[in-house]
Protein backbone atom coordinates (compact mmCIF):
# COMPACT_ATOMS: atom_id res chain seq x y z
CA MET A 1 0.00 0.00 0.00
CA LEU A 2 2.87 2.32 0.82
CA THR A 3 4.36 1.72 -2.67
CA ARG A 4 1.08 2.66 -4.29
CA LEU A 5 0.80 5.83 -2.21
CA HIS A 6 4.42 6.62 -3.02
CA ARG A 7 3.70 6.31 -6.77
CA ILE A 8 0.65 8.57 -6.53
CA VAL A 9 2.64 11.23 -4.67
CA MET A 10 5.48 11.03 -7.24
CA VAL A 11 3.09 11.36 -10.18
CA GLY A 12 1.42 14.32 -8.46
CA LEU A 13 4.76 16.02 -7.89
CA ALA A 14 5.79 15.39 -11.47
CA CYS A 15 2.57 17.04 -12.66
CA VAL A 16 3.11 20.07 -10.43
CA PHE A 17 6.68 20.63 -11.59
CA ALA A 18 6.22 19.73 -15.23
CA LEU A 19 6.22 22.68 -17.57
CA PRO A 20 2.91 23.12 -19.30
CA ALA A 21 3.01 22.05 -22.92
CA GLN A 22 2.42 24.96 -25.24
CA ALA A 23 0.59 24.52 -28.48
CA GLN A 24 1.58 26.94 -31.16
CA LEU A 25 -0.34 27.97 -34.22
CA LEU A 26 1.63 27.53 -37.43
CA THR A 27 1.63 30.50 -39.74
CA HIS A 28 2.88 30.68 -43.29
CA ARG A 29 2.58 32.62 -46.50
CA ASP A 30 0.87 31.17 -49.54
CA LEU A 31 0.85 31.96 -53.23
CA SER A 32 -2.23 33.81 -54.37
CA TYR A 33 -4.02 32.98 -57.59
CA ALA A 34 -3.02 36.40 -58.98
CA MET A 35 0.68 35.78 -58.29
CA ALA A 36 0.56 32.26 -59.69
CA LYS A 37 -1.19 33.54 -62.81
CA THR A 38 1.42 36.27 -63.27
CA ILE A 39 4.25 33.74 -62.96
CA ALA A 40 2.67 31.40 -65.52
CA GLU A 41 1.69 34.14 -67.99
CA THR A 42 5.12 35.76 -67.84
CA ALA A 43 6.84 32.40 -68.34
CA ILE A 44 4.71 31.66 -71.41
CA GLU A 45 5.34 35.17 -72.80
CA SER A 46 9.08 34.83 -72.19
CA CYS A 47 9.28 31.54 -74.08
CA GLY A 48 6.94 32.87 -76.76
CA ALA A 49 9.30 35.79 -77.37
CA LYS A 50 12.00 33.20 -78.10
CA GLY A 51 9.73 31.38 -80.53
CA TYR A 52 8.56 28.52 -78.29
CA ALA A 53 4.97 27.51 -77.50
CA VAL A 54 4.96 26.13 -73.97
CA SER A 55 2.76 25.21 -71.05
CA ALA A 56 3.29 26.63 -67.57
CA VAL A 57 2.01 25.29 -64.25
CA VAL A 58 2.27 26.76 -60.75
CA VAL A 59 1.60 24.62 -57.66
CA ASP A 60 1.07 25.62 -54.04
CA ARG A 61 2.98 24.49 -50.95
CA ALA A 62 1.01 21.21 -50.95
CA GLY A 63 1.91 20.51 -54.58
CA GLU A 64 -1.63 21.20 -55.79
CA THR A 65 -2.11 23.09 -59.05
CA ILE A 66 -3.09 26.74 -58.72
CA VAL A 67 -2.69 27.72 -62.38
CA ALA A 68 -2.13 25.68 -65.54
CA LEU A 69 -1.82 27.56 -68.83
CA ARG A 70 -1.08 26.24 -72.31
CA ALA A 71 0.07 28.52 -75.12
CA ASP A 72 -1.43 28.21 -78.59
CA ASN A 73 0.29 25.38 -80.46
CA ALA A 74 2.02 23.94 -77.37
CA GLY A 75 2.58 20.22 -77.68
CA PRO A 76 0.19 17.73 -76.08
CA THR A 77 2.66 16.52 -73.42
CA THR A 78 3.79 19.96 -72.30
CA MET A 79 1.05 20.50 -69.72
CA GLU A 80 1.74 17.26 -67.85
CA ASN A 81 5.50 17.77 -67.98
CA ALA A 82 5.17 21.35 -66.69
CA ARG A 83 2.97 20.16 -63.82
CA ARG A 84 5.41 17.43 -62.85
CA LYS A 85 8.34 19.87 -63.01
CA ALA A 86 6.51 22.32 -60.73
CA TYR A 87 5.60 19.51 -58.32
CA THR A 88 9.17 18.15 -58.25
CA ALA A 89 10.71 21.59 -57.65
CA ARG A 90 8.25 22.18 -54.81
CA SER A 91 8.67 18.73 -53.29
CA PHE A 92 12.46 18.65 -53.25
CA ARG A 93 12.98 22.42 -52.85
CA VAL A 94 15.49 22.67 -55.68
CA SER A 95 15.44 23.41 -59.37
CA THR A 96 14.62 20.41 -61.49
CA ALA A 97 17.90 21.08 -63.34
CA SER A 98 19.76 20.38 -60.07
CA TYR A 99 17.54 17.40 -59.43
CA ALA A 100 18.16 16.06 -62.97
CA LYS A 101 21.92 16.44 -62.45
CA ARG A 102 21.73 14.34 -59.30
CA PHE A 103 19.76 11.76 -61.31
CA ALA A 104 22.39 11.80 -64.08
CA ASP A 105 25.12 11.39 -61.44
CA ASN A 106 23.42 8.13 -60.37
CA ASP A 107 22.41 9.39 -56.93
CA PRO A 108 20.71 6.26 -55.53
CA VAL A 109 18.15 8.26 -53.53
CA VAL A 110 17.08 10.27 -56.58
CA ARG A 111 16.91 7.08 -58.63
CA GLN A 112 14.31 5.81 -56.15
CA GLN A 113 12.49 9.15 -55.81
CA VAL A 114 11.77 9.43 -59.53
CA THR A 115 9.61 6.35 -59.21
CA LEU A 116 7.19 8.38 -57.06
CA PRO A 117 4.04 9.64 -58.79
CA ASN A 118 4.36 13.13 -60.29
CA VAL A 119 8.16 13.34 -59.90
CA ILE A 120 10.28 14.05 -62.97
CA ALA A 121 14.01 14.68 -63.42
CA ILE A 122 13.92 17.13 -66.35
CA PRO A 123 15.08 20.78 -66.18
CA GLY A 124 12.38 23.46 -66.29
CA GLY A 125 11.00 23.67 -62.75
CA LEU A 126 11.88 26.06 -59.94
CA PRO A 127 10.75 26.27 -56.33
CA VAL A 128 8.86 29.43 -55.36
CA LYS A 129 10.41 30.80 -52.17
CA VAL A 130 9.87 33.48 -49.59
CA GLY A 131 13.29 33.58 -48.00
CA ASP A 132 14.12 29.94 -47.30
CA ASP A 133 10.46 28.91 -47.08
CA VAL A 134 9.30 27.05 -50.19
CA ILE A 135 5.70 28.09 -50.81
CA GLY A 136 5.20 26.49 -54.22
CA GLY A 137 6.75 25.44 -57.49
CA ALA A 138 6.61 26.60 -61.10
CA GLY A 139 7.29 24.54 -64.20
CA VAL A 140 7.46 25.12 -67.94
CA SER A 141 7.64 22.59 -70.74
CA GLY A 142 7.91 22.89 -74.49
CA SER A 143 11.19 24.61 -75.34
CA PRO A 144 14.51 22.93 -76.00
CA GLY A 145 16.61 24.01 -73.04
CA VAL A 146 14.90 27.37 -72.43
CA ASP A 147 12.22 26.23 -69.96
CA GLU A 148 14.04 27.25 -66.79
CA PRO A 149 14.92 30.80 -67.91
CA CYS A 150 11.25 31.28 -68.82
CA VAL A 151 10.18 30.15 -65.34
CA GLN A 152 12.80 32.48 -63.84
CA ALA A 153 11.31 35.38 -65.83
CA GLY A 154 7.95 34.60 -64.21
CA LEU A 155 9.48 34.51 -60.74
CA ASP A 156 11.38 37.73 -61.40
CA LYS A 157 8.09 39.43 -62.28
CA VAL A 158 6.74 38.76 -58.75
CA ALA A 159 10.06 38.95 -56.87
CA GLU A 160 9.08 42.06 -54.88
CA GLN A 161 5.94 40.31 -53.62
CA LEU A 162 7.96 37.29 -52.49
CA LYS A 163 9.95 39.25 -49.89
């Protein structure tokens, strides 16, 4: 009986001296539709000025599509590739060019990751960041080697809003 009483007293003392757990509300910034649309439209215009018909997709922090735009005469696979590039850049928080390089270098982790749905190791996707916080991804598909600069043009257009 003494042991049981001893345990109860110890538990009571532990509760008295324990610091109360504090729950904290998470706060974050998200891409608006207007910003996502500006990124995609600017990327398409940038590639169009170079003579390429492309698709552009912008995803949010959860990897869900906010905006998907396809230029006149863009190829049929460009929309899906742009979406996967945006998703990959968001998911791994790096450009898909960097991700593709790791794939080409036979990084065993990347070799496994590209088997995940929606992941692609092709240049043309960039993470959308506010400081170090990745709040989305943007991808372009349809130009031979010019996709990433077109995405960058879109991000540059909204750079002041991403501070």
